[in-house]
Amino acid sequence: MTRKTWLRAGLVLLIVLDGSVGVWQYFFPRSFYDDFPTVRLDPPFNEHLVSDVGGLNIALVGVLIFAAVHLERRLVLAALTGFGLYSLTHFVFHVRHFEHFSLRDAVGVGTGLGLEVVLTIALLVLAGTLPRR
């Protein structure tokens, strides 16, 4: 597979992962709060906050989709930078707030969010190899 194919595949993976979470948050905020692992550990439920975060996730996915379709260096770098800042701050928040989590949940959340950060960094490095226009 070429670098562009790997880059596009990585972008699609982020789109699918974050898109499914964003759609769930936006359209079904109560279900997301009740059913997504560990979310209900941060009470109280706030429909406005959950649906707004879902809308922001959907917006990030929209930019990632545009980047995956066009694979233009600056666009991909901008999309991944925005997504990377979001995923890094999300990761940092969670690893600093595990006091109500079981060990299994803390490891699961930390690992999942950490892998998202690592994938984004890897994709940023790969995007840096795209030709300048």
C-alpha atoms as a PDB file:
ATOM      1  CA  MET A   1       0.000   0.000   0.000  1.00  0.00           C
ATOM      2  CA  THR A   2       1.171   3.513  -0.749  1.00  0.00           C
ATOM      3  CA  ARG A   3       1.602   6.267   1.858  1.00  0.00           C
ATOM      4  CA  LYS A   4      -1.515   7.978   0.503  1.00  0.00           C
ATOM      5  CA  THR A   5      -3.514   4.776   0.906  1.00  0.00           C
ATOM      6  CA  TRP A   6      -2.320   4.383   4.520  1.00  0.00           C
ATOM      7  CA  LEU A   7      -3.090   8.030   5.209  1.00  0.00           C
ATOM      8  CA  ARG A   8      -6.568   7.794   3.737  1.00  0.00           C
ATOM      9  CA  ALA A   9      -7.221   4.540   5.640  1.00  0.00           C
ATOM     10  CA  GLY A  10      -6.149   6.193   8.909  1.00  0.00           C
ATOM     11  CA  LEU A  11      -8.374   9.187   8.250  1.00  0.00           C
ATOM     12  CA  VAL A  12     -11.300   6.879   7.479  1.00  0.00           C
ATOM     13  CA  LEU A  13     -10.678   5.013  10.747  1.00  0.00           C
ATOM     14  CA  LEU A  14     -10.838   8.298  12.697  1.00  0.00           C
ATOM     15  CA  ILE A  15     -13.962   9.270  10.745  1.00  0.00           C
ATOM     16  CA  VAL A  16     -15.726   6.007  11.570  1.00  0.00           C
ATOM     17  CA  LEU A  17     -14.710   5.973  15.242  1.00  0.00           C
ATOM     18  CA  ASP A  18     -15.413   9.603  16.033  1.00  0.00           C
ATOM     19  CA  GLY A  19     -18.362   9.806  13.657  1.00  0.00           C
ATOM     20  CA  SER A  20     -20.205   6.951  15.333  1.00  0.00           C
ATOM     21  CA  VAL A  21     -19.604   8.469  18.771  1.00  0.00           C
ATOM     22  CA  GLY A  22     -20.609  11.947  17.586  1.00  0.00           C
ATOM     23  CA  VAL A  23     -23.835  10.747  15.992  1.00  0.00           C
ATOM     24  CA  TRP A  24     -24.689   8.768  19.137  1.00  0.00           C
ATOM     25  CA  GLN A  25     -23.960  11.806  21.348  1.00  0.00           C
ATOM     26  CA  TYR A  26     -25.920  14.235  19.205  1.00  0.00           C
ATOM     27  CA  PHE A  27     -29.009  12.186  18.354  1.00  0.00           C
ATOM     28  CA  PHE A  28     -29.226   9.994  21.456  1.00  0.00           C
ATOM     29  CA  PRO A  29     -27.556  11.944  24.302  1.00  0.00           C
ATOM     30  CA  ARG A  30     -29.356  10.107  27.114  1.00  0.00           C
ATOM     31  CA  SER A  31     -28.444   6.711  25.667  1.00  0.00           C
ATOM     32  CA  PHE A  32     -24.836   7.838  25.234  1.00  0.00           C
ATOM     33  CA  TYR A  33     -24.709   8.963  28.865  1.00  0.00           C
ATOM     34  CA  ASP A  34     -26.357   5.777  30.168  1.00  0.00           C
ATOM     35  CA  ASP A  35     -24.796   3.197  27.852  1.00  0.00           C
ATOM     36  CA  PHE A  36     -21.329   4.341  26.760  1.00  0.00           C
ATOM     37  CA  PRO A  37     -18.824   2.781  29.175  1.00  0.00           C
ATOM     38  CA  THR A  38     -17.765   5.098  32.039  1.00  0.00           C
ATOM     39  CA  VAL A  39     -19.659   8.224  30.890  1.00  0.00           C
ATOM     40  CA  ARG A  40     -22.268   7.905  33.632  1.00  0.00           C
ATOM     41  CA  LEU A  41     -19.427   8.051  36.182  1.00  0.00           C
ATOM     42  CA  ASP A  42     -19.405  11.840  35.626  1.00  0.00           C
ATOM     43  CA  PRO A  43     -22.849  12.902  36.850  1.00  0.00           C
ATOM     44  CA  PRO A  44     -25.134  14.672  36.420  1.00  0.00           C
ATOM     45  CA  PHE A  45     -26.507  14.068  32.936  1.00  0.00           C
ATOM     46  CA  ASN A  46     -26.612  17.273  30.861  1.00  0.00           C
ATOM     47  CA  GLU A  47     -28.417  16.804  27.529  1.00  0.00           C
ATOM     48  CA  HIS A  48     -27.209  20.162  26.220  1.00  0.00           C
ATOM     49  CA  LEU A  49     -23.557  19.395  26.914  1.00  0.00           C
ATOM     50  CA  VAL A  50     -23.651  15.853  25.518  1.00  0.00           C
ATOM     51  CA  SER A  51     -25.440  16.869  22.315  1.00  0.00           C
ATOM     52  CA  ASP A  52     -23.151  19.892  21.821  1.00  0.00           C
ATOM     53  CA  VAL A  53     -20.076  17.669  22.151  1.00  0.00           C
ATOM     54  CA  GLY A  54     -21.697  15.311  19.639  1.00  0.00           C
ATOM     55  CA  GLY A  55     -22.185  18.224  17.244  1.00  0.00           C
ATOM     56  CA  LEU A  56     -18.531  19.205  17.643  1.00  0.00           C
ATOM     57  CA  ASN A  57     -17.469  15.610  16.940  1.00  0.00           C
ATOM     58  CA  ILE A  58     -19.624  15.584  13.814  1.00  0.00           C
ATOM     59  CA  ALA A  59     -18.007  18.887  12.732  1.00  0.00           C
ATOM     60  CA  LEU A  60     -14.502  17.439  13.195  1.00  0.00           C
ATOM     61  CA  VAL A  61     -15.541  14.399  11.186  1.00  0.00           C
ATOM     62  CA  GLY A  62     -16.777  16.682   8.393  1.00  0.00           C
ATOM     63  CA  VAL A  63     -13.330  18.254   8.119  1.00  0.00           C
ATOM     64  CA  LEU A  64     -11.650  14.829   8.274  1.00  0.00           C
ATOM     65  CA  ILE A  65     -13.909  13.596   5.446  1.00  0.00           C
ATOM     66  CA  PHE A  66     -12.934  16.573   3.285  1.00  0.00           C
ATOM     67  CA  ALA A  67      -9.250  15.888   4.057  1.00  0.00           C
ATOM     68  CA  ALA A  68      -9.603  12.165   3.247  1.00  0.00           C
ATOM     69  CA  VAL A  69     -11.260  12.901  -0.097  1.00  0.00           C
ATOM     70  CA  HIS A  70      -8.786  15.560  -1.262  1.00  0.00           C
ATOM     71  CA  LEU A  71      -5.555  14.464   0.490  1.00  0.00           C
ATOM     72  CA  GLU A  72      -4.048  17.917   0.015  1.00  0.00           C
ATOM     73  CA  ARG A  73      -1.125  18.385   2.407  1.00  0.00           C
ATOM     74  CA  ARG A  74      -2.184  21.602   4.169  1.00  0.00           C
ATOM     75  CA  LEU A  75      -5.797  20.489   4.474  1.00  0.00           C
ATOM     76  CA  VAL A  76      -4.851  17.103   5.938  1.00  0.00           C
ATOM     77  CA  LEU A  77      -2.370  18.715   8.338  1.00  0.00           C
ATOM     78  CA  ALA A  78      -4.980  21.259   9.467  1.00  0.00           C
ATOM     79  CA  ALA A  79      -7.688  18.609   9.946  1.00  0.00           C
ATOM     80  CA  LEU A  80      -5.368  16.313  11.877  1.00  0.00           C
ATOM     81  CA  THR A  81      -4.006  19.172  13.988  1.00  0.00           C
ATOM     82  CA  GLY A  82      -7.521  20.117  15.075  1.00  0.00           C
ATOM     83  CA  PHE A  83      -8.472  16.523  15.721  1.00  0.00           C
ATOM     84  CA  GLY A  84      -5.171  15.899  17.496  1.00  0.00           C
ATOM     85  CA  LEU A  85      -5.675  18.822  19.864  1.00  0.00           C
ATOM     86  CA  TYR A  86      -9.147  17.548  20.686  1.00  0.00           C
ATOM     87  CA  SER A  87      -8.017  13.949  21.212  1.00  0.00           C
ATOM     88  CA  LEU A  88      -4.987  14.984  23.292  1.00  0.00           C
ATOM     89  CA  THR A  89      -6.999  17.229  25.622  1.00  0.00           C
ATOM     90  CA  HIS A  90      -9.668  14.516  25.920  1.00  0.00           C
ATOM     91  CA  PHE A  91      -6.987  11.950  26.812  1.00  0.00           C
ATOM     92  CA  VAL A  92      -5.297  14.263  29.352  1.00  0.00           C
ATOM     93  CA  PHE A  93      -8.600  15.015  31.078  1.00  0.00           C
ATOM     94  CA  HIS A  94      -9.441  11.355  31.481  1.00  0.00           C
ATOM     95  CA  VAL A  95      -6.047  10.188  32.733  1.00  0.00           C
ATOM     96  CA  ARG A  96      -6.280  12.886  35.418  1.00  0.00           C
ATOM     97  CA  HIS A  97      -9.784  11.834  36.530  1.00  0.00           C
ATOM     98  CA  PHE A  98      -9.805   8.081  37.090  1.00  0.00           C
ATOM     99  CA  GLU A  99     -10.789   8.244  40.777  1.00  0.00           C
ATOM    100  CA  HIS A 100     -14.252   6.671  40.210  1.00  0.00           C
ATOM    101  CA  PHE A 101     -13.103   4.163  37.587  1.00  0.00           C
ATOM    102  CA  SER A 102     -12.380   0.506  38.105  1.00  0.00           C
ATOM    103  CA  LEU A 103      -8.895  -0.560  37.053  1.00  0.00           C
ATOM    104  CA  ARG A 104     -10.400  -2.272  33.977  1.00  0.00           C
ATOM    105  CA  ASP A 105     -12.298   0.893  32.957  1.00  0.00           C
ATOM    106  CA  ALA A 106      -9.284   3.150  33.575  1.00  0.00           C
ATOM    107  CA  VAL A 107      -7.043   0.918  31.448  1.00  0.00           C
ATOM    108  CA  GLY A 108      -9.688   0.666  28.721  1.00  0.00           C
ATOM    109  CA  VAL A 109     -10.359   4.400  28.547  1.00  0.00           C
ATOM    110  CA  GLY A 110      -6.693   5.355  28.835  1.00  0.00           C
ATOM    111  CA  THR A 111      -5.637   2.857  26.197  1.00  0.00           C
ATOM    112  CA  GLY A 112      -8.422   3.693  23.739  1.00  0.00           C
ATOM    113  CA  LEU A 113      -7.941   7.440  23.981  1.00  0.00           C
ATOM    114  CA  GLY A 114      -4.154   7.065  23.986  1.00  0.00           C
ATOM    115  CA  LEU A 115      -4.242   4.995  20.801  1.00  0.00           C
ATOM    116  CA  GLU A 116      -6.333   7.693  19.153  1.00  0.00           C
ATOM    117  CA  VAL A 117      -3.641  10.272  20.038  1.00  0.00           C
ATOM    118  CA  VAL A 118      -0.848   7.999  18.763  1.00  0.00           C
ATOM    119  CA  LEU A 119      -2.725   7.286  15.521  1.00  0.00           C
ATOM    120  CA  THR A 120      -3.277  11.008  14.966  1.00  0.00           C
ATOM    121  CA  ILE A 121       0.422  11.755  15.513  1.00  0.00           C
ATOM    122  CA  ALA A 122       1.396   8.958  13.099  1.00  0.00           C
ATOM    123  CA  LEU A 123      -1.009  10.345  10.503  1.00  0.00           C
ATOM    124  CA  LEU A 124       0.414  13.856  10.977  1.00  0.00           C
ATOM    125  CA  VAL A 125       3.911  12.502  10.293  1.00  0.00           C
ATOM    126  CA  LEU A 126       2.624  10.655   7.234  1.00  0.00           C
ATOM    127  CA  ALA A 127       0.741  13.751   6.029  1.00  0.00           C
ATOM    128  CA  GLY A 128       3.984  15.703   6.260  1.00  0.00           C
ATOM    129  CA  THR A 129       5.347  13.533   3.436  1.00  0.00           C
ATOM    130  CA  LEU A 130       2.626  14.645   1.002  1.00  0.00           C
ATOM    131  CA  PRO A 131       3.887  16.924  -1.753  1.00  0.00           C
ATOM    132  CA  ARG A 132       3.693  20.672  -1.174  1.00  0.00           C
ATOM    133  CA  ARG A 133       1.492  22.560  -3.614  1.00  0.00           C
END
